[in-house]
Amino acid sequence: QVQLVESGGGLVQAGGSLRLSCAASGRTFSPYAMGWFRQAPGKEREFVAAIIWSGGSTYYEDFVKGRFTISRDNAKNTVYLQMNSLKPEDTAVYYCAVTHGGGTGFDSWGQGTQVTVSS
């Protein structure tokens, strides 16, 4: 089992930036990929970005391309999401997740961190 803890959320004005962190813990950690998802009030959880742990290939949902950057620190078992040019529409609870591959999808989730963007 892997435990994920997100941090770095907060309140910012439109156009501002935040950097989210997700620290993974457990006896062993060898993910295939880690990713970020978000869920706004009244909406379904949606994909934001993901990174392949070995090699660092990244994937982004269209609505964050050019604004968000996902990265990882293998030594620290930590994934980051740098969010720039934030918009009110980005307001949501952001969740970190991990997949070990094998067709199981993302099978471990953090508790989430709130991101609020004001006008």
PDB file of N, CA and C in Angstrom:
ATOM      1  N   GLN A   1       0.826  -1.186   0.000  1.00  0.00           N
ATOM      2  CA  GLN A   1       0.000   0.000   0.000  1.00  0.00           C
ATOM      3  C   GLN A   1       0.868   1.246   0.000  1.00  0.00           C
ATOM      4  N   VAL A   2       0.360   2.278  -0.666  1.00  0.00           N
ATOM      5  CA  VAL A   2       1.055   3.549  -0.762  1.00  0.00           C
ATOM      6  C   VAL A   2       0.162   4.640  -0.180  1.00  0.00           C
ATOM      7  N   GLN A   3       0.745   5.473   0.642  1.00  0.00           N
ATOM      8  CA  GLN A   3       0.035   6.625   1.182  1.00  0.00           C
ATOM      9  C   GLN A   3       0.518   7.884   0.468  1.00  0.00           C
ATOM     10  N   LEU A   4      -0.422   8.734   0.084  1.00  0.00           N
ATOM     11  CA  LEU A   4      -0.118   9.962  -0.633  1.00  0.00           C
ATOM     12  C   LEU A   4      -0.663  11.147   0.144  1.00  0.00           C
ATOM     13  N   VAL A   5       0.169  12.160   0.325  1.00  0.00           N
ATOM     14  CA  VAL A   5      -0.226  13.355   1.053  1.00  0.00           C
ATOM     15  C   VAL A   5       0.056  14.577   0.208  1.00  0.00           C
ATOM     16  N   GLU A   6      -1.004  15.307  -0.143  1.00  0.00           N
ATOM     17  CA  GLU A   6      -0.870  16.520  -0.931  1.00  0.00           C
ATOM     18  C   GLU A   6      -0.692  17.731  -0.031  1.00  0.00           C
ATOM     19  N   SER A   7      -0.009  18.732  -0.560  1.00  0.00           N
ATOM     20  CA  SER A   7       0.149  19.993   0.142  1.00  0.00           C
ATOM     21  C   SER A   7       0.378  21.096  -0.880  1.00  0.00           C
ATOM     22  N   GLY A   8       0.274  22.334  -0.439  1.00  0.00           N
ATOM     23  CA  GLY A   8       0.561  23.467  -1.302  1.00  0.00           C
ATOM     24  C   GLY A   8      -0.651  24.210  -1.815  1.00  0.00           C
ATOM     25  N   GLY A   9      -1.836  23.715  -1.530  1.00  0.00           N
ATOM     26  CA  GLY A   9      -3.035  24.408  -1.958  1.00  0.00           C
ATOM     27  C   GLY A   9      -3.236  25.687  -1.176  1.00  0.00           C
ATOM     28  N   GLY A  10      -4.165  26.495  -1.648  1.00  0.00           N
ATOM     29  CA  GLY A  10      -4.445  27.747  -0.979  1.00  0.00           C
ATOM     30  C   GLY A  10      -5.316  28.645  -1.804  1.00  0.00           C
ATOM     31  N   LEU A  11      -5.366  29.899  -1.403  1.00  0.00           N
ATOM     32  CA  LEU A  11      -6.173  30.915  -2.076  1.00  0.00           C
ATOM     33  C   LEU A  11      -5.265  31.868  -2.829  1.00  0.00           C
ATOM     34  N   VAL A  12      -5.524  32.032  -4.112  1.00  0.00           N
ATOM     35  CA  VAL A  12      -4.758  32.962  -4.937  1.00  0.00           C
ATOM     36  C   VAL A  12      -5.695  33.735  -5.837  1.00  0.00           C
ATOM     37  N   GLN A  13      -5.219  34.876  -6.310  1.00  0.00           N
ATOM     38  CA  GLN A  13      -5.985  35.664  -7.264  1.00  0.00           C
ATOM     39  C   GLN A  13      -5.763  35.136  -8.672  1.00  0.00           C
ATOM     40  N   ALA A  14      -6.706  35.415  -9.540  1.00  0.00           N
ATOM     41  CA  ALA A  14      -6.572  35.020 -10.935  1.00  0.00           C
ATOM     42  C   ALA A  14      -5.252  35.539 -11.499  1.00  0.00           C
ATOM     43  N   GLY A  15      -4.561  34.685 -12.228  1.00  0.00           N
ATOM     44  CA  GLY A  15      -3.266  35.034 -12.776  1.00  0.00           C
ATOM     45  C   GLY A  15      -2.108  34.637 -11.890  1.00  0.00           C
ATOM     46  N   GLY A  16      -2.399  34.236 -10.675  1.00  0.00           N
ATOM     47  CA  GLY A  16      -1.362  33.841  -9.740  1.00  0.00           C
ATOM     48  C   GLY A  16      -0.898  32.420  -9.944  1.00  0.00           C
ATOM     49  N   SER A  17      -0.007  31.983  -9.051  1.00  0.00           N
ATOM     50  CA  SER A  17       0.596  30.660  -9.164  1.00  0.00           C
ATOM     51  C   SER A  17       0.572  29.920  -7.843  1.00  0.00           C
ATOM     52  N   LEU A  18       0.558  28.606  -7.935  1.00  0.00           N
ATOM     53  CA  LEU A  18       0.686  27.718  -6.792  1.00  0.00           C
ATOM     54  C   LEU A  18       1.504  26.514  -7.215  1.00  0.00           C
ATOM     55  N   ARG A  19       2.198  25.926  -6.255  1.00  0.00           N
ATOM     56  CA  ARG A  19       2.924  24.700  -6.507  1.00  0.00           C
ATOM     57  C   ARG A  19       2.442  23.633  -5.536  1.00  0.00           C
ATOM     58  N   LEU A  20       1.829  22.605  -6.069  1.00  0.00           N
ATOM     59  CA  LEU A  20       1.345  21.509  -5.262  1.00  0.00           C
ATOM     60  C   LEU A  20       2.410  20.422  -5.154  1.00  0.00           C
ATOM     61  N   SER A  21       2.458  19.789  -4.001  1.00  0.00           N
ATOM     62  CA  SER A  21       3.374  18.683  -3.780  1.00  0.00           C
ATOM     63  C   SER A  21       2.596  17.466  -3.328  1.00  0.00           C
ATOM     64  N   CYS A  22       3.086  16.305  -3.683  1.00  0.00           N
ATOM     65  CA  CYS A  22       2.487  15.051  -3.261  1.00  0.00           C
ATOM     66  C   CYS A  22       3.603  14.111  -2.848  1.00  0.00           C
ATOM     67  N   ALA A  23       3.657  13.815  -1.576  1.00  0.00           N
ATOM     68  CA  ALA A  23       4.678  12.932  -1.041  1.00  0.00           C
ATOM     69  C   ALA A  23       4.112  11.532  -0.849  1.00  0.00           C
ATOM     70  N   ALA A  24       4.811  10.558  -1.378  1.00  0.00           N
ATOM     71  CA  ALA A  24       4.396   9.166  -1.266  1.00  0.00           C
ATOM     72  C   ALA A  24       5.209   8.463  -0.194  1.00  0.00           C
ATOM     73  N   SER A  25       4.551   7.588   0.526  1.00  0.00           N
ATOM     74  CA  SER A  25       5.239   6.816   1.549  1.00  0.00           C
ATOM     75  C   SER A  25       4.769   5.371   1.521  1.00  0.00           C
ATOM     76  N   GLY A  26       5.608   4.496   2.000  1.00  0.00           N
ATOM     77  CA  GLY A  26       5.321   3.083   2.025  1.00  0.00           C
ATOM     78  C   GLY A  26       6.616   2.304   2.058  1.00  0.00           C
ATOM     79  N   ARG A  27       6.488   1.017   2.332  1.00  0.00           N
ATOM     80  CA  ARG A  27       7.698   0.207   2.401  1.00  0.00           C
ATOM     81  C   ARG A  27       8.435   0.168   1.067  1.00  0.00           C
ATOM     82  N   THR A  28       7.681   0.071  -0.005  1.00  0.00           N
ATOM     83  CA  THR A  28       8.262   0.094  -1.340  1.00  0.00           C
ATOM     84  C   THR A  28       7.473   1.062  -2.207  1.00  0.00           C
ATOM     85  N   PHE A  29       8.153   1.666  -3.158  1.00  0.00           N
ATOM     86  CA  PHE A  29       7.509   2.591  -4.053  1.00  0.00           C
ATOM     87  C   PHE A  29       8.141   2.467  -5.436  1.00  0.00           C
ATOM     88  N   SER A  30       7.400   1.889  -6.343  1.00  0.00           N
ATOM     89  CA  SER A  30       7.863   1.729  -7.717  1.00  0.00           C
ATOM     90  C   SER A  30       6.681   1.919  -8.660  1.00  0.00           C
ATOM     91  N   PRO A  31       6.199   3.155  -8.769  1.00  0.00           N
ATOM     92  CA  PRO A  31       5.020   3.406  -9.591  1.00  0.00           C
ATOM     93  C   PRO A  31       5.330   3.379 -11.075  1.00  0.00           C
ATOM     94  N   TYR A  32       4.297   3.140 -11.862  1.00  0.00           N
ATOM     95  CA  TYR A  32       4.420   3.303 -13.298  1.00  0.00           C
ATOM     96  C   TYR A  32       4.238   4.779 -13.638  1.00  0.00           C
ATOM     97  N   ALA A  33       3.260   5.412 -12.982  1.00  0.00           N
ATOM     98  CA  ALA A  33       3.004   6.822 -13.216  1.00  0.00           C
ATOM     99  C   ALA A  33       2.304   7.435 -12.011  1.00  0.00           C
ATOM    100  N   MET A  34       2.463   8.730 -11.868  1.00  0.00           N
ATOM    101  CA  MET A  34       1.711   9.477 -10.881  1.00  0.00           C
ATOM    102  C   MET A  34       0.996  10.609 -11.590  1.00  0.00           C
ATOM    103  N   GLY A  35      -0.109  11.008 -11.028  1.00  0.00           N
ATOM    104  CA  GLY A  35      -0.889  12.033 -11.690  1.00  0.00           C
ATOM    105  C   GLY A  35      -1.644  12.925 -10.738  1.00  0.00           C
ATOM    106  N   TRP A  36      -2.213  13.963 -11.309  1.00  0.00           N
ATOM    107  CA  TRP A  36      -3.050  14.901 -10.583  1.00  0.00           C
ATOM    108  C   TRP A  36      -4.436  14.930 -11.204  1.00  0.00           C
ATOM    109  N   PHE A  37      -5.428  14.919 -10.341  1.00  0.00           N
ATOM    110  CA  PHE A  37      -6.819  15.047 -10.729  1.00  0.00           C
ATOM    111  C   PHE A  37      -7.435  16.173  -9.920  1.00  0.00           C
ATOM    112  N   ARG A  38      -8.587  16.643 -10.339  1.00  0.00           N
ATOM    113  CA  ARG A  38      -9.263  17.674  -9.567  1.00  0.00           C
ATOM    114  C   ARG A  38     -10.767  17.470  -9.622  1.00  0.00           C
ATOM    115  N   GLN A  39     -11.429  17.990  -8.607  1.00  0.00           N
ATOM    116  CA  GLN A  39     -12.875  17.889  -8.534  1.00  0.00           C
ATOM    117  C   GLN A  39     -13.445  19.188  -7.985  1.00  0.00           C
ATOM    118  N   ALA A  40     -14.245  19.849  -8.801  1.00  0.00           N
ATOM    119  CA  ALA A  40     -14.924  21.066  -8.396  1.00  0.00           C
ATOM    120  C   ALA A  40     -16.293  20.710  -7.826  1.00  0.00           C
ATOM    121  N   PRO A  41     -16.868  21.587  -7.005  1.00  0.00           N
ATOM    122  CA  PRO A  41     -18.188  21.304  -6.432  1.00  0.00           C
ATOM    123  C   PRO A  41     -19.227  21.006  -7.508  1.00  0.00           C
ATOM    124  N   GLY A  42     -19.942  19.915  -7.329  1.00  0.00           N
ATOM    125  CA  GLY A  42     -20.986  19.553  -8.261  1.00  0.00           C
ATOM    126  C   GLY A  42     -20.515  18.927  -9.551  1.00  0.00           C
ATOM    127  N   LYS A  43     -19.220  18.694  -9.677  1.00  0.00           N
ATOM    128  CA  LYS A  43     -18.678  18.119 -10.894  1.00  0.00           C
ATOM    129  C   LYS A  43     -17.952  16.809 -10.605  1.00  0.00           C
ATOM    130  N   GLU A  44     -17.754  16.039 -11.666  1.00  0.00           N
ATOM    131  CA  GLU A  44     -17.025  14.787 -11.548  1.00  0.00           C
ATOM    132  C   GLU A  44     -15.527  15.056 -11.460  1.00  0.00           C
ATOM    133  N   ARG A  45     -14.818  14.123 -10.874  1.00  0.00           N
ATOM    134  CA  ARG A  45     -13.374  14.224 -10.821  1.00  0.00           C
ATOM    135  C   ARG A  45     -12.816  14.134 -12.238  1.00  0.00           C
ATOM    136  N   GLU A  46     -11.849  14.990 -12.564  1.00  0.00           N
ATOM    137  CA  GLU A  46     -11.300  15.013 -13.899  1.00  0.00           C
ATOM    138  C   GLU A  46      -9.771  14.965 -13.884  1.00  0.00           C
ATOM    139  N   PHE A  47      -9.231  14.426 -14.940  1.00  0.00           N
ATOM    140  CA  PHE A  47      -7.792  14.312 -15.099  1.00  0.00           C
ATOM    141  C   PHE A  47      -7.172  15.671 -15.363  1.00  0.00           C
ATOM    142  N   VAL A  48      -5.997  15.911 -14.780  1.00  0.00           N
ATOM    143  CA  VAL A  48      -5.270  17.155 -14.990  1.00  0.00           C
ATOM    144  C   VAL A  48      -3.940  16.898 -15.689  1.00  0.00           C
ATOM    145  N   ALA A  49      -3.104  16.062 -15.089  1.00  0.00           N
ATOM    146  CA  ALA A  49      -1.778  15.794 -15.635  1.00  0.00           C
ATOM    147  C   ALA A  49      -1.233  14.501 -15.061  1.00  0.00           C
ATOM    148  N   ALA A  50      -0.280  13.909 -15.760  1.00  0.00           N
ATOM    149  CA  ALA A  50       0.370  12.699 -15.278  1.00  0.00           C
ATOM    150  C   ALA A  50       1.807  12.664 -15.759  1.00  0.00           C
ATOM    151  N   ILE A  51       2.624  11.907 -15.051  1.00  0.00           N
ATOM    152  CA  ILE A  51       4.020  11.751 -15.423  1.00  0.00           C
ATOM    153  C   ILE A  51       4.429  10.301 -15.268  1.00  0.00           C
ATOM    154  N   ILE A  52       5.093   9.770 -16.278  1.00  0.00           N
ATOM    155  CA  ILE A  52       5.632   8.420 -16.206  1.00  0.00           C
ATOM    156  C   ILE A  52       6.875   8.468 -15.339  1.00  0.00           C
ATOM    157  N   TRP A  53       6.912   7.614 -14.309  1.00  0.00           N
ATOM    158  CA  TRP A  53       7.981   7.726 -13.329  1.00  0.00           C
ATOM    159  C   TRP A  53       9.363   7.489 -13.917  1.00  0.00           C
ATOM    160  N   SER A  54       9.482   6.471 -14.721  1.00  0.00           N
ATOM    161  CA  SER A  54      10.756   6.185 -15.371  1.00  0.00           C
ATOM    162  C   SER A  54      10.778   6.858 -16.734  1.00  0.00           C
ATOM    163  N   GLY A  55      11.595   7.880 -16.850  1.00  0.00           N
ATOM    164  CA  GLY A  55      11.708   8.597 -18.109  1.00  0.00           C
ATOM    165  C   GLY A  55      11.130   9.992 -18.058  1.00  0.00           C
ATOM    166  N   GLY A  56      10.040  10.169 -17.317  1.00  0.00           N
ATOM    167  CA  GLY A  56       9.490  11.492 -17.111  1.00  0.00           C
ATOM    168  C   GLY A  56       8.576  12.028 -18.195  1.00  0.00           C
ATOM    169  N   SER A  57       8.063  11.175 -19.075  1.00  0.00           N
ATOM    170  CA  SER A  57       7.112  11.645 -20.079  1.00  0.00           C
ATOM    171  C   SER A  57       5.884  12.204 -19.387  1.00  0.00           C
ATOM    172  N   THR A  58       5.375  13.304 -19.906  1.00  0.00           N
ATOM    173  CA  THR A  58       4.253  13.983 -19.276  1.00  0.00           C
ATOM    174  C   THR A  58       3.037  14.042 -20.186  1.00  0.00           C
ATOM    175  N   TYR A  59       1.876  14.141 -19.554  1.00  0.00           N
ATOM    176  CA  TYR A  59       0.607  14.212 -20.262  1.00  0.00           C
ATOM    177  C   TYR A  59      -0.269  15.234 -19.558  1.00  0.00           C
ATOM    178  N   TYR A  60      -0.964  16.041 -20.345  1.00  0.00           N
ATOM    179  CA  TYR A  60      -1.796  17.100 -19.800  1.00  0.00           C
ATOM    180  C   TYR A  60      -3.163  17.134 -20.452  1.00  0.00           C
ATOM    181  N   GLU A  61      -4.162  17.489 -19.657  1.00  0.00           N
ATOM    182  CA  GLU A  61      -5.464  17.768 -20.211  1.00  0.00           C
ATOM    183  C   GLU A  61      -5.386  19.113 -20.928  1.00  0.00           C
ATOM    184  N   ASP A  62      -6.180  19.270 -21.961  1.00  0.00           N
ATOM    185  CA  ASP A  62      -6.093  20.455 -22.804  1.00  0.00           C
ATOM    186  C   ASP A  62      -6.257  21.765 -22.033  1.00  0.00           C
ATOM    187  N   PHE A  63      -7.140  21.786 -21.053  1.00  0.00           N
ATOM    188  CA  PHE A  63      -7.435  23.046 -20.389  1.00  0.00           C
ATOM    189  C   PHE A  63      -6.316  23.568 -19.501  1.00  0.00           C
ATOM    190  N   VAL A  64      -5.244  22.794 -19.309  1.00  0.00           N
ATOM    191  CA  VAL A  64      -4.123  23.272 -18.503  1.00  0.00           C
ATOM    192  C   VAL A  64      -2.820  23.350 -19.286  1.00  0.00           C
ATOM    193  N   LYS A  65      -2.836  22.952 -20.534  1.00  0.00           N
ATOM    194  CA  LYS A  65      -1.620  22.980 -21.340  1.00  0.00           C
ATOM    195  C   LYS A  65      -1.074  24.400 -21.442  1.00  0.00           C
ATOM    196  N   GLY A  66       0.232  24.531 -21.210  1.00  0.00           N
ATOM    197  CA  GLY A  66       0.869  25.830 -21.264  1.00  0.00           C
ATOM    198  C   GLY A  66       0.822  26.578 -19.956  1.00  0.00           C
ATOM    199  N   ARG A  67       0.038  26.105 -19.000  1.00  0.00           N
ATOM    200  CA  ARG A  67      -0.085  26.772 -17.710  1.00  0.00           C
ATOM    201  C   ARG A  67       0.422  25.919 -16.553  1.00  0.00           C
ATOM    202  N   PHE A  68       0.186  24.616 -16.622  1.00  0.00           N
ATOM    203  CA  PHE A  68       0.580  23.710 -15.545  1.00  0.00           C
ATOM    204  C   PHE A  68       1.758  22.853 -15.985  1.00  0.00           C
ATOM    205  N   THR A  69       2.623  22.517 -15.044  1.00  0.00           N
ATOM    206  CA  THR A  69       3.753  21.644 -15.306  1.00  0.00           C
ATOM    207  C   THR A  69       3.853  20.595 -14.212  1.00  0.00           C
ATOM    208  N   ILE A  70       3.875  19.332 -14.605  1.00  0.00           N
ATOM    209  CA  ILE A  70       4.037  18.251 -13.648  1.00  0.00           C
ATOM    210  C   ILE A  70       5.489  17.783 -13.673  1.00  0.00           C
ATOM    211  N   SER A  71       6.024  17.478 -12.514  1.00  0.00           N
ATOM    212  CA  SER A  71       7.394  17.000 -12.412  1.00  0.00           C
ATOM    213  C   SER A  71       7.506  16.049 -11.230  1.00  0.00           C
ATOM    214  N   ARG A  72       8.637  15.368 -11.137  1.00  0.00           N
ATOM    215  CA  ARG A  72       8.812  14.449 -10.021  1.00  0.00           C
ATOM    216  C   ARG A  72      10.253  14.437  -9.537  1.00  0.00           C
ATOM    217  N   ASP A  73      10.419  14.062  -8.288  1.00  0.00           N
ATOM    218  CA  ASP A  73      11.716  13.875  -7.673  1.00  0.00           C
ATOM    219  C   ASP A  73      11.758  12.420  -7.227  1.00  0.00           C
ATOM    220  N   ASN A  74      12.447  11.598  -7.988  1.00  0.00           N
ATOM    221  CA  ASN A  74      12.479  10.168  -7.709  1.00  0.00           C
ATOM    222  C   ASN A  74      13.051   9.855  -6.325  1.00  0.00           C
ATOM    223  N   ALA A  75      14.102  10.577  -5.951  1.00  0.00           N
ATOM    224  CA  ALA A  75      14.750  10.323  -4.677  1.00  0.00           C
ATOM    225  C   ALA A  75      13.829  10.610  -3.493  1.00  0.00           C
ATOM    226  N   LYS A  76      12.934  11.573  -3.661  1.00  0.00           N
ATOM    227  CA  LYS A  76      12.031  11.965  -2.587  1.00  0.00           C
ATOM    228  C   LYS A  76      10.648  11.341  -2.703  1.00  0.00           C
ATOM    229  N   ASN A  77      10.441  10.535  -3.735  1.00  0.00           N
ATOM    230  CA  ASN A  77       9.130   9.932  -3.983  1.00  0.00           C
ATOM    231  C   ASN A  77       8.035  10.999  -3.971  1.00  0.00           C
ATOM    232  N   THR A  78       8.298  12.077  -4.667  1.00  0.00           N
ATOM    233  CA  THR A  78       7.407  13.225  -4.645  1.00  0.00           C
ATOM    234  C   THR A  78       7.099  13.707  -6.058  1.00  0.00           C
ATOM    235  N   VAL A  79       5.847  14.054  -6.276  1.00  0.00           N
ATOM    236  CA  VAL A  79       5.426  14.627  -7.543  1.00  0.00           C
ATOM    237  C   VAL A  79       4.917  16.038  -7.283  1.00  0.00           C
ATOM    238  N   TYR A  80       5.141  16.929  -8.238  1.00  0.00           N
ATOM    239  CA  TYR A  80       4.764  18.320  -8.097  1.00  0.00           C
ATOM    240  C   TYR A  80       3.852  18.742  -9.240  1.00  0.00           C
ATOM    241  N   LEU A  81       3.071  19.756  -8.972  1.00  0.00           N
ATOM    242  CA  LEU A  81       2.267  20.382 -10.012  1.00  0.00           C
ATOM    243  C   LEU A  81       2.426  21.884  -9.879  1.00  0.00           C
ATOM    244  N   GLN A  82       3.188  22.469 -10.789  1.00  0.00           N
ATOM    245  CA  GLN A  82       3.348  23.912 -10.829  1.00  0.00           C
ATOM    246  C   GLN A  82       2.209  24.489 -11.639  1.00  0.00           C
ATOM    247  N   MET A  83       1.423  25.350 -11.026  1.00  0.00           N
ATOM    248  CA  MET A  83       0.257  25.920 -11.666  1.00  0.00           C
ATOM    249  C   MET A  83       0.448  27.421 -11.820  1.00  0.00           C
ATOM    250  N   ASN A  84       0.502  27.874 -13.053  1.00  0.00           N
ATOM    251  CA  ASN A  84       0.651  29.284 -13.359  1.00  0.00           C
ATOM    252  C   ASN A  84      -0.586  29.796 -14.080  1.00  0.00           C
ATOM    253  N   SER A  85      -0.714  31.110 -14.127  1.00  0.00           N
ATOM    254  CA  SER A  85      -1.845  31.744 -14.814  1.00  0.00           C
ATOM    255  C   SER A  85      -3.173  31.133 -14.394  1.00  0.00           C
ATOM    256  N   LEU A  86      -3.349  30.993 -13.114  1.00  0.00           N
ATOM    257  CA  LEU A  86      -4.549  30.343 -12.595  1.00  0.00           C
ATOM    258  C   LEU A  86      -5.804  31.141 -12.913  1.00  0.00           C
ATOM    259  N   LYS A  87      -6.860  30.412 -13.163  1.00  0.00           N
ATOM    260  CA  LYS A  87      -8.163  30.985 -13.478  1.00  0.00           C
ATOM    261  C   LYS A  87      -9.177  30.555 -12.433  1.00  0.00           C
ATOM    262  N   PRO A  88     -10.239  31.328 -12.254  1.00  0.00           N
ATOM    263  CA  PRO A  88     -11.288  30.901 -11.318  1.00  0.00           C
ATOM    264  C   PRO A  88     -11.820  29.505 -11.620  1.00  0.00           C
ATOM    265  N   GLU A  89     -11.834  29.124 -12.880  1.00  0.00           N
ATOM    266  CA  GLU A  89     -12.301  27.805 -13.277  1.00  0.00           C
ATOM    267  C   GLU A  89     -11.412  26.680 -12.761  1.00  0.00           C
ATOM    268  N   ASP A  90     -10.211  27.012 -12.319  1.00  0.00           N
ATOM    269  CA  ASP A  90      -9.293  26.018 -11.774  1.00  0.00           C
ATOM    270  C   ASP A  90      -9.609  25.684 -10.321  1.00  0.00           C
ATOM    271  N   THR A  91     -10.527  26.408  -9.723  1.00  0.00           N
ATOM    272  CA  THR A  91     -10.900  26.159  -8.341  1.00  0.00           C
ATOM    273  C   THR A  91     -11.445  24.742  -8.186  1.00  0.00           C
ATOM    274  N   ALA A  92     -10.822  23.983  -7.299  1.00  0.00           N
ATOM    275  CA  ALA A  92     -11.208  22.591  -7.095  1.00  0.00           C
ATOM    276  C   ALA A  92     -10.355  21.999  -5.986  1.00  0.00           C
ATOM    277  N   VAL A  93     -10.734  20.806  -5.568  1.00  0.00           N
ATOM    278  CA  VAL A  93      -9.863  20.011  -4.719  1.00  0.00           C
ATOM    279  C   VAL A  93      -8.975  19.200  -5.647  1.00  0.00           C
ATOM    280  N   TYR A  94      -7.686  19.298  -5.446  1.00  0.00           N
ATOM    281  CA  TYR A  94      -6.725  18.605  -6.292  1.00  0.00           C
ATOM    282  C   TYR A  94      -6.221  17.359  -5.579  1.00  0.00           C
ATOM    283  N   TYR A  95      -6.254  16.242  -6.288  1.00  0.00           N
ATOM    284  CA  TYR A  95      -5.865  14.961  -5.738  1.00  0.00           C
ATOM    285  C   TYR A  95      -4.661  14.387  -6.469  1.00  0.00           C
ATOM    286  N   CYS A  96      -3.764  13.822  -5.714  1.00  0.00           N
ATOM    287  CA  CYS A  96      -2.634  13.091  -6.253  1.00  0.00           C
ATOM    288  C   CYS A  96      -3.005  11.613  -6.325  1.00  0.00           C
ATOM    289  N   ALA A  97      -2.513  10.927  -7.343  1.00  0.00           N
ATOM    290  CA  ALA A  97      -2.809   9.512  -7.499  1.00  0.00           C
ATOM    291  C   ALA A  97      -1.618   8.791  -8.102  1.00  0.00           C
ATOM    292  N   VAL A  98      -1.593   7.486  -7.911  1.00  0.00           N
ATOM    293  CA  VAL A  98      -0.504   6.665  -8.426  1.00  0.00           C
ATOM    294  C   VAL A  98      -1.065   5.412  -9.077  1.00  0.00           C
ATOM    295  N   THR A  99      -0.412   4.975 -10.130  1.00  0.00           N
ATOM    296  CA  THR A  99      -0.735   3.702 -10.748  1.00  0.00           C
ATOM    297  C   THR A  99       0.535   2.883 -10.872  1.00  0.00           C
ATOM    298  N   HIS A 100       0.379   1.606 -10.659  1.00  0.00           N
ATOM    299  CA  HIS A 100       1.498   0.678 -10.812  1.00  0.00           C
ATOM    300  C   HIS A 100       1.425  -0.075 -12.126  1.00  0.00           C
ATOM    301  N   GLY A 101       0.527   0.342 -12.997  1.00  0.00           N
ATOM    302  CA  GLY A 101       0.368  -0.298 -14.278  1.00  0.00           C
ATOM    303  C   GLY A 101      -0.433  -1.574 -14.162  1.00  0.00           C
ATOM    304  N   GLY A 102      -0.221  -2.458 -15.136  1.00  0.00           N
ATOM    305  CA  GLY A 102      -0.921  -3.722 -15.110  1.00  0.00           C
ATOM    306  C   GLY A 102      -2.400  -3.619 -15.449  1.00  0.00           C
ATOM    307  N   GLY A 103      -2.809  -2.474 -16.001  1.00  0.00           N
ATOM    308  CA  GLY A 103      -4.190  -2.294 -16.404  1.00  0.00           C
ATOM    309  C   GLY A 103      -5.148  -1.963 -15.274  1.00  0.00           C
ATOM    310  N   THR A 104      -4.617  -1.649 -14.093  1.00  0.00           N
ATOM    311  CA  THR A 104      -5.467  -1.376 -12.935  1.00  0.00           C
ATOM    312  C   THR A 104      -5.825   0.092 -12.786  1.00  0.00           C
ATOM    313  N   GLY A 105      -5.207   0.955 -13.577  1.00  0.00           N
ATOM    314  CA  GLY A 105      -5.466   2.376 -13.461  1.00  0.00           C
ATOM    315  C   GLY A 105      -4.850   2.970 -12.208  1.00  0.00           C
ATOM    316  N   PHE A 106      -5.338   4.136 -11.849  1.00  0.00           N
ATOM    317  CA  PHE A 106      -4.859   4.793 -10.637  1.00  0.00           C
ATOM    318  C   PHE A 106      -5.545   4.156  -9.436  1.00  0.00           C
ATOM    319  N   ASP A 107      -4.769   3.533  -8.588  1.00  0.00           N
ATOM    320  CA  ASP A 107      -5.329   2.728  -7.506  1.00  0.00           C
ATOM    321  C   ASP A 107      -5.049   3.247  -6.104  1.00  0.00           C
ATOM    322  N   SER A 108      -4.301   4.333  -5.982  1.00  0.00           N
ATOM    323  CA  SER A 108      -4.055   4.955  -4.688  1.00  0.00           C
ATOM    324  C   SER A 108      -4.253   6.452  -4.815  1.00  0.00           C
ATOM    325  N   TRP A 109      -4.904   7.035  -3.821  1.00  0.00           N
ATOM    326  CA  TRP A 109      -5.260   8.449  -3.875  1.00  0.00           C
ATOM    327  C   TRP A 109      -4.928   9.157  -2.573  1.00  0.00           C
ATOM    328  N   GLY A 110      -4.559  10.425  -2.694  1.00  0.00           N
ATOM    329  CA  GLY A 110      -4.352  11.247  -1.522  1.00  0.00           C
ATOM    330  C   GLY A 110      -5.658  11.821  -1.033  1.00  0.00           C
ATOM    331  N   GLN A 111      -5.578  12.609   0.026  1.00  0.00           N
ATOM    332  CA  GLN A 111      -6.778  13.179   0.634  1.00  0.00           C
ATOM    333  C   GLN A 111      -7.251  14.454  -0.060  1.00  0.00           C
ATOM    334  N   GLY A 112      -6.403  15.031  -0.890  1.00  0.00           N
ATOM    335  CA  GLY A 112      -6.753  16.229  -1.627  1.00  0.00           C
ATOM    336  C   GLY A 112      -6.290  17.503  -0.949  1.00  0.00           C
ATOM    337  N   THR A 113      -6.074  18.521  -1.766  1.00  0.00           N
ATOM    338  CA  THR A 113      -5.726  19.842  -1.255  1.00  0.00           C
ATOM    339  C   THR A 113      -6.544  20.877  -2.018  1.00  0.00           C
ATOM    340  N   GLN A 114      -7.103  21.826  -1.293  1.00  0.00           N
ATOM    341  CA  GLN A 114      -8.007  22.800  -1.891  1.00  0.00           C
ATOM    342  C   GLN A 114      -7.242  23.909  -2.595  1.00  0.00           C
ATOM    343  N   VAL A 115      -7.641  24.181  -3.820  1.00  0.00           N
ATOM    344  CA  VAL A 115      -7.124  25.312  -4.585  1.00  0.00           C
ATOM    345  C   VAL A 115      -8.292  26.224  -4.901  1.00  0.00           C
ATOM    346  N   THR A 116      -8.198  27.470  -4.472  1.00  0.00           N
ATOM    347  CA  THR A 116      -9.250  28.440  -4.726  1.00  0.00           C
ATOM    348  C   THR A 116      -8.659  29.648  -5.435  1.00  0.00           C
ATOM    349  N   VAL A 117      -9.233  29.990  -6.576  1.00  0.00           N
ATOM    350  CA  VAL A 117      -8.761  31.107  -7.379  1.00  0.00           C
ATOM    351  C   VAL A 117      -9.857  32.156  -7.436  1.00  0.00           C
ATOM    352  N   SER A 118      -9.554  33.330  -6.942  1.00  0.00           N
ATOM    353  CA  SER A 118     -10.529  34.410  -6.910  1.00  0.00           C
ATOM    354  C   SER A 118     -10.322  35.363  -8.077  1.00  0.00           C
ATOM    355  N   SER A 119     -11.368  36.119  -8.393  1.00  0.00           N
ATOM    356  CA  SER A 119     -11.297  37.086  -9.483  1.00  0.00           C
ATOM    357  C   SER A 119     -10.503  38.307  -9.073  1.00  0.00           C
TER     358      SER A 119
END
